[in-house]
Amino acid sequence: MNRYFTFPVILAACMIMAGCKENRSSSGAYKETAFEYRKNVQAVKLSKTLTLRLVVNDTYCKKTACQCIQNLASREYEELTAKLRRDYNINLELSWCMDEKNIEGMLKSGKFDGAICKPWFAFRLMPAGNFRFSRIADVFDPFENSLLGGIFIVRKESPIQKPADITGKTIAIGQEDSYEKNHLALKMLDQAGIKPDKIIRRSICSEGINMLLDNQADVAVISDYALIASCAVDFAEEDAFRTIWKTSDIPLCSVILDLNRVSKAEAAQLQLALLALSGKKCPESFASSGFVKPMFWIPEPYQVKTN
């Protein structure tokens, strides 16, 4: 099945290197985020309990999801963590974070070894903080998808048909803490030489969608799951919009450890244990097939140039 959407996606035919209205460029401050898989290490039961404290903000977990998607948010972690303790002597102490805005403060508190969340929420803290985050595994959603992208949408009746038509229009994008709705979107606009008349930043997808519905914006960039797995499902129908452009894919949700707090050997054991408990061995209560080896991903956040 398609990842989420069936309405057509129109790709830009010409990518012209040029500057966007805000004159941004890649910072070059980040390296590969995927933990290197060690094939010579086996997933074994450790002789001593490995305790890891993680912040969890998972769209599909019952304890962290919006009430409007409870039919999709059926994920429970209890059975999985019990299997990790029993079979591998790995104790995950999970702290639930319903508001993604609170992840930063929780990680900066120094009480946690990592997180299970959209990876940019954690990795954006690295340049200024004493963190060495690494993605141990990516998490499948209920659709068996581990990827995330941003989509440029317009109202179905909009005259905008292709990315070039965004020039001179008003576009609603995400804030800096959203990688797919902000950094990837701005990079694409930059590279294609597309210059909106006005760029408005909104923190959540439903705000951008509302701006379209209220004719306050001509285009909105939202996460590609927003119309079926966010608060937008309460007031917006998928077929009321058209997708005219799509960003590249990034990890949707990852298990992330801070290698300043956890050794590489311990990280490898958790990685192998999670992969071993995936597929047919994944508890049904996890509402997917579990985990997959992390995809290679180097964030390239766009920063405003200072002269």
Protein backbone atom coordinates (compact mmCIF):
# COMPACT_ATOMS: atom_id res chain seq x y z
CA MET A 1 0.00 0.00 0.00
CA ASN A 2 1.05 3.63 -0.38
CA ARG A 3 2.69 5.06 2.70
CA TYR A 4 -0.22 7.38 3.42
CA PHE A 5 -1.58 9.34 0.49
CA THR A 6 -3.17 8.53 -2.83
CA PHE A 7 -3.60 12.01 -4.25
CA PRO A 8 -0.99 12.90 -6.87
CA VAL A 9 2.49 14.11 -6.12
CA ILE A 10 4.02 16.43 -8.66
CA LEU A 11 7.81 16.66 -8.56
CA ALA A 12 9.76 19.70 -9.61
CA ALA A 13 11.07 19.32 -13.14
CA CYS A 14 13.90 21.75 -12.73
CA MET A 15 16.12 22.25 -9.66
CA ILE A 16 17.96 25.54 -10.11
CA MET A 17 20.59 26.48 -7.57
CA ALA A 18 19.57 29.86 -6.21
CA GLY A 19 18.96 31.69 -2.95
CA CYS A 20 15.61 31.69 -1.15
CA LYS A 21 14.23 34.87 0.34
CA GLU A 22 15.93 34.14 3.65
CA ASN A 23 19.36 33.22 2.20
CA ARG A 24 20.05 29.97 4.02
CA SER A 25 22.74 27.31 3.76
CA SER A 26 23.72 24.00 5.36
CA SER A 27 25.63 24.34 8.64
CA GLY A 28 27.83 21.24 8.22
CA ALA A 29 27.68 20.69 12.00
CA TYR A 30 26.31 17.12 11.94
CA LYS A 31 27.71 13.68 11.14
CA GLU A 32 26.13 10.30 10.45
CA THR A 33 23.50 9.59 13.10
CA ALA A 34 22.98 5.83 12.57
CA PHE A 35 24.74 3.53 15.01
CA GLU A 36 27.08 1.17 13.22
CA TYR A 37 25.77 -2.38 13.28
CA ARG A 38 28.30 -4.80 14.73
CA LYS A 39 27.77 -8.15 13.03
CA ASN A 40 30.29 -9.93 15.27
CA VAL A 41 28.23 -9.20 18.39
CA GLN A 42 25.41 -11.50 19.43
CA ALA A 43 22.20 -10.57 21.20
CA VAL A 44 22.77 -12.36 24.50
CA LYS A 45 21.43 -12.14 28.01
CA LEU A 46 23.79 -9.86 29.90
CA SER A 47 25.25 -11.06 33.18
CA LYS A 48 24.48 -7.71 34.77
CA THR A 49 21.30 -5.71 34.27
CA LEU A 50 21.69 -2.82 31.84
CA THR A 51 19.32 -0.03 32.87
CA LEU A 52 18.57 2.71 30.34
CA ARG A 53 16.35 5.70 31.04
CA LEU A 54 14.55 6.99 27.95
CA VAL A 55 12.13 9.82 27.17
CA VAL A 56 9.29 8.57 24.94
CA ASN A 57 7.28 10.72 22.55
CA ASP A 58 5.71 8.25 20.13
CA THR A 59 2.83 9.31 17.88
CA TYR A 60 1.31 5.82 18.02
CA CYS A 61 1.76 5.04 21.71
CA LYS A 62 -1.37 5.16 23.86
CA LYS A 63 0.43 7.14 26.56
CA THR A 64 1.82 9.87 24.32
CA ALA A 65 -0.64 10.22 21.42
CA CYS A 66 -3.41 12.73 20.85
CA GLN A 67 -6.85 11.45 21.85
CA CYS A 68 -8.11 12.00 18.30
CA ILE A 69 -6.08 9.09 16.94
CA GLN A 70 -6.67 6.49 19.63
CA ASN A 71 -7.80 4.04 16.93
CA LEU A 72 -4.28 4.24 15.45
CA ALA A 73 -2.41 4.87 18.68
CA SER A 74 -2.72 1.37 20.05
CA ARG A 75 0.97 0.85 20.85
CA GLU A 76 1.96 -0.38 24.29
CA TYR A 77 5.54 -0.85 25.48
CA GLU A 78 4.98 -2.97 28.57
CA GLU A 79 5.21 -6.39 26.93
CA LEU A 80 8.24 -5.40 24.89
CA THR A 81 10.12 -4.06 27.90
CA ALA A 82 9.24 -7.20 29.87
CA LYS A 83 10.78 -9.36 27.12
CA LEU A 84 13.91 -7.21 27.10
CA ARG A 85 14.30 -7.72 30.87
CA ARG A 86 13.57 -11.44 30.77
CA ASP A 87 15.52 -12.45 27.68
CA TYR A 88 18.38 -9.93 27.59
CA ASN A 89 18.61 -8.40 31.08
CA ILE A 90 18.02 -4.94 29.61
CA ASN A 91 15.81 -2.73 31.74
CA LEU A 92 14.24 0.21 29.91
CA GLU A 93 12.88 2.83 32.29
CA LEU A 94 10.51 4.89 30.13
CA SER A 95 9.25 8.37 30.93
CA TRP A 96 6.27 9.47 28.84
CA CYS A 97 6.29 12.87 27.16
CA MET A 98 2.95 13.83 25.60
CA ASP A 99 4.06 17.28 24.44
CA GLU A 100 7.01 17.17 22.05
CA LYS A 101 7.97 20.67 23.20
CA ASN A 102 8.99 19.16 26.57
CA ILE A 103 11.54 16.71 25.13
CA GLU A 104 14.30 19.31 25.05
CA GLY A 105 13.97 20.15 28.72
CA MET A 106 13.78 16.51 29.76
CA LEU A 107 16.93 15.57 27.84
CA LYS A 108 18.79 18.62 29.14
CA SER A 109 17.95 17.61 32.71
CA GLY A 110 20.74 15.04 32.67
CA LYS A 111 18.44 12.29 33.95
CA PHE A 112 18.07 10.35 30.69
CA ASP A 113 20.27 8.15 28.53
CA GLY A 114 18.31 8.86 25.36
CA ALA A 115 14.89 8.97 23.80
CA ILE A 116 12.37 7.30 21.52
CA CYS A 117 11.07 10.09 19.33
CA LYS A 118 11.41 11.92 16.02
CA PRO A 119 15.22 12.06 15.84
CA TRP A 120 15.54 15.78 15.10
CA PHE A 121 14.03 16.56 18.52
CA ALA A 122 17.19 15.09 20.07
CA PHE A 123 19.89 15.76 17.48
CA ARG A 124 19.15 19.48 17.27
CA LEU A 125 20.45 19.75 20.85
CA MET A 126 23.91 18.40 20.05
CA PRO A 127 25.84 21.47 18.86
CA ALA A 128 25.17 23.45 22.03
CA GLY A 129 24.87 20.57 24.51
CA ASN A 130 27.09 17.81 25.89
CA PHE A 131 25.39 15.04 23.90
CA ARG A 132 26.65 12.37 21.55
CA PHE A 133 23.39 10.94 20.29
CA SER A 134 23.25 7.91 18.01
CA ARG A 135 20.22 6.20 16.48
CA ILE A 136 20.22 2.60 17.65
CA ALA A 137 17.13 1.49 15.71
CA ASP A 138 14.26 2.98 13.73
CA VAL A 139 10.68 2.21 14.75
CA PHE A 140 7.94 0.94 12.45
CA ASP A 141 4.54 2.61 12.63
CA PRO A 142 1.26 0.61 12.35
CA PHE A 143 1.55 0.84 8.54
CA GLU A 144 4.98 -0.88 8.68
CA ASN A 145 6.62 2.38 7.65
CA SER A 146 9.76 3.81 9.26
CA LEU A 147 10.11 6.90 7.07
CA LEU A 148 8.91 10.47 7.37
CA GLY A 149 8.64 13.28 4.85
CA GLY A 150 7.15 16.70 4.45
CA ILE A 151 4.49 17.40 1.84
CA PHE A 152 3.53 20.72 0.23
CA ILE A 153 -0.26 20.78 0.08
CA VAL A 154 -2.84 23.15 -1.38
CA ARG A 155 -6.61 23.17 -1.29
CA LYS A 156 -8.13 20.91 -3.92
CA GLU A 157 -9.59 23.86 -5.85
CA SER A 158 -6.38 25.92 -5.69
CA PRO A 159 -4.96 27.21 -8.99
CA ILE A 160 -1.49 26.18 -7.79
CA GLN A 161 -0.47 23.11 -9.79
CA LYS A 162 3.31 22.81 -9.46
CA PRO A 163 6.13 23.91 -7.14
CA ALA A 164 7.09 26.87 -9.34
CA ASP A 165 3.63 28.33 -8.70
CA ILE A 166 4.61 28.89 -5.05
CA THR A 167 6.66 31.91 -6.16
CA GLY A 168 4.94 35.07 -4.95
CA LYS A 169 2.52 33.15 -2.71
CA THR A 170 2.15 32.76 1.07
CA ILE A 171 3.41 29.48 2.49
CA ALA A 172 3.01 28.06 6.00
CA ILE A 173 5.91 25.87 7.14
CA GLY A 174 7.05 24.31 10.40
CA GLN A 175 9.27 25.87 13.00
CA GLU A 176 12.98 25.13 13.47
CA ASP A 177 12.30 22.09 15.63
CA SER A 178 10.56 20.36 12.70
CA TYR A 179 13.08 18.95 10.25
CA GLU A 180 10.73 17.76 7.50
CA LYS A 181 8.44 20.82 7.61
CA ASN A 182 11.15 23.45 7.97
CA HIS A 183 14.71 22.54 7.01
CA LEU A 184 13.91 20.17 4.15
CA ALA A 185 11.20 22.47 2.82
CA LEU A 186 13.44 25.55 2.86
CA LYS A 187 16.26 23.62 1.21
CA MET A 188 13.97 22.56 -1.64
CA LEU A 189 12.70 26.10 -2.14
CA ASP A 190 16.29 27.34 -2.13
CA GLN A 191 17.54 24.81 -4.64
CA ALA A 192 14.64 25.29 -7.01
CA GLY A 193 14.90 29.07 -6.88
CA ILE A 194 11.33 29.37 -5.66
CA LYS A 195 10.68 32.59 -3.76
CA PRO A 196 7.45 32.80 -1.75
CA ASP A 197 6.17 36.28 -1.02
CA LYS A 198 5.70 35.36 2.65
CA ILE A 199 6.83 32.48 4.86
CA ILE A 200 4.82 31.88 8.04
CA ARG A 201 6.03 29.44 10.68
CA ARG A 202 3.58 27.35 12.66
CA SER A 203 4.48 24.72 15.25
CA ILE A 204 1.99 21.97 14.40
CA CYS A 205 0.50 20.62 11.18
CA SER A 206 -3.07 21.47 12.10
CA GLU A 207 -2.17 25.17 12.28
CA GLY A 208 -0.84 25.11 8.72
CA ILE A 209 -3.92 23.24 7.51
CA ASN A 210 -6.17 25.76 9.23
CA MET A 211 -4.36 28.57 7.45
CA LEU A 212 -5.20 26.92 4.13
CA LEU A 213 -8.84 26.48 5.09
CA ASP A 214 -9.07 30.11 6.27
CA ASN A 215 -7.33 31.39 3.11
CA GLN A 216 -4.48 32.83 5.20
CA ALA A 217 -1.94 30.77 3.23
CA ASP A 218 -1.79 29.43 -0.31
CA VAL A 219 0.45 26.45 0.50
CA ALA A 220 1.22 24.54 3.70
CA VAL A 221 4.03 22.12 4.45
CA ILE A 222 2.90 19.35 6.80
CA SER A 223 4.20 15.96 7.91
CA ASP A 224 3.08 13.24 5.53
CA TYR A 225 1.08 11.43 8.22
CA ALA A 226 -0.77 14.52 9.47
CA LEU A 227 -4.13 13.95 7.78
CA ILE A 228 -4.51 10.45 9.21
CA ALA A 229 -2.51 10.53 12.45
CA SER A 230 -2.71 13.92 14.11
CA CYS A 231 -5.26 16.38 15.47
CA ALA A 232 -5.97 17.41 11.87
CA VAL A 233 -8.23 14.38 11.47
CA ASP A 234 -10.83 16.15 13.63
CA PHE A 235 -11.50 18.91 11.10
CA ALA A 236 -9.79 18.10 7.77
CA GLU A 237 -10.41 15.46 5.13
CA GLU A 238 -7.52 14.06 3.12
CA ASP A 239 -9.34 14.48 -0.20
CA ALA A 240 -9.84 18.21 0.43
CA PHE A 241 -6.20 18.82 -0.47
CA ARG A 242 -3.68 18.11 -3.20
CA THR A 243 0.03 17.39 -2.76
CA ILE A 244 2.18 19.32 -5.22
CA TRP A 245 5.62 18.49 -3.84
CA LYS A 246 7.31 16.13 -1.39
CA THR A 247 10.58 16.24 0.49
CA SER A 248 13.07 13.40 0.74
CA ASP A 249 12.51 10.82 3.48
CA ILE A 250 14.08 10.88 6.93
CA PRO A 251 13.63 8.53 9.92
CA LEU A 252 10.12 8.72 11.35
CA CYS A 253 10.91 7.64 14.91
CA SER A 254 14.12 6.28 16.40
CA VAL A 255 15.54 4.73 19.53
CA ILE A 256 18.35 7.13 20.41
CA LEU A 257 21.13 6.75 22.97
CA ASP A 258 23.68 9.26 24.24
CA LEU A 259 27.08 7.61 23.77
CA ASN A 260 28.49 9.98 26.38
CA ARG A 261 26.38 8.06 28.91
CA VAL A 262 26.16 4.59 27.32
CA SER A 263 29.07 2.57 25.95
CA LYS A 264 29.14 1.37 22.34
CA ALA A 265 29.09 -2.23 23.60
CA GLU A 266 25.91 -1.55 25.58
CA ALA A 267 24.36 0.26 22.63
CA ALA A 268 25.14 -2.73 20.41
CA GLN A 269 23.45 -5.09 22.84
CA LEU A 270 20.30 -2.97 22.89
CA GLN A 271 20.30 -2.71 19.11
CA LEU A 272 20.61 -6.45 18.60
CA ALA A 273 18.00 -7.20 21.27
CA LEU A 274 15.49 -4.82 19.64
CA LEU A 275 16.10 -6.33 16.21
CA ALA A 276 15.81 -9.85 17.64
CA LEU A 277 12.41 -8.97 19.14
CA SER A 278 11.11 -7.59 15.85
CA GLY A 279 9.20 -9.18 13.00
CA LYS A 280 7.25 -12.25 14.07
CA LYS A 281 8.77 -12.07 17.56
CA CYS A 282 7.48 -8.56 18.21
CA PRO A 283 4.64 -8.46 20.75
CA GLU A 284 1.25 -7.81 19.17
CA SER A 285 0.69 -5.01 21.65
CA PHE A 286 3.47 -3.02 19.98
CA ALA A 287 1.13 -2.53 16.97
CA SER A 288 3.81 -3.04 14.32
CA SER A 289 6.67 -5.38 13.49
CA GLY A 290 8.94 -3.46 15.82
CA PHE A 291 12.33 -2.15 14.85
CA VAL A 292 14.69 -1.99 11.90
CA LYS A 293 18.37 -1.21 11.52
CA PRO A 294 18.66 2.62 11.43
CA MET A 295 18.76 4.16 7.98
CA PHE A 296 21.76 6.31 7.19
CA TRP A 297 20.92 9.95 7.85
CA ILE A 298 23.01 13.07 8.28
CA PRO A 299 20.90 16.10 9.22
CA GLU A 300 21.68 19.21 7.21
CA PRO A 301 19.76 21.94 9.00
CA TYR A 302 19.49 25.22 7.14
CA GLN A 303 20.73 28.21 9.05
CA VAL A 304 20.27 31.88 8.31
CA LYS A 305 23.52 33.34 7.01
CA THR A 306 24.99 36.18 9.02
CA ASN A 307 26.98 38.81 7.17
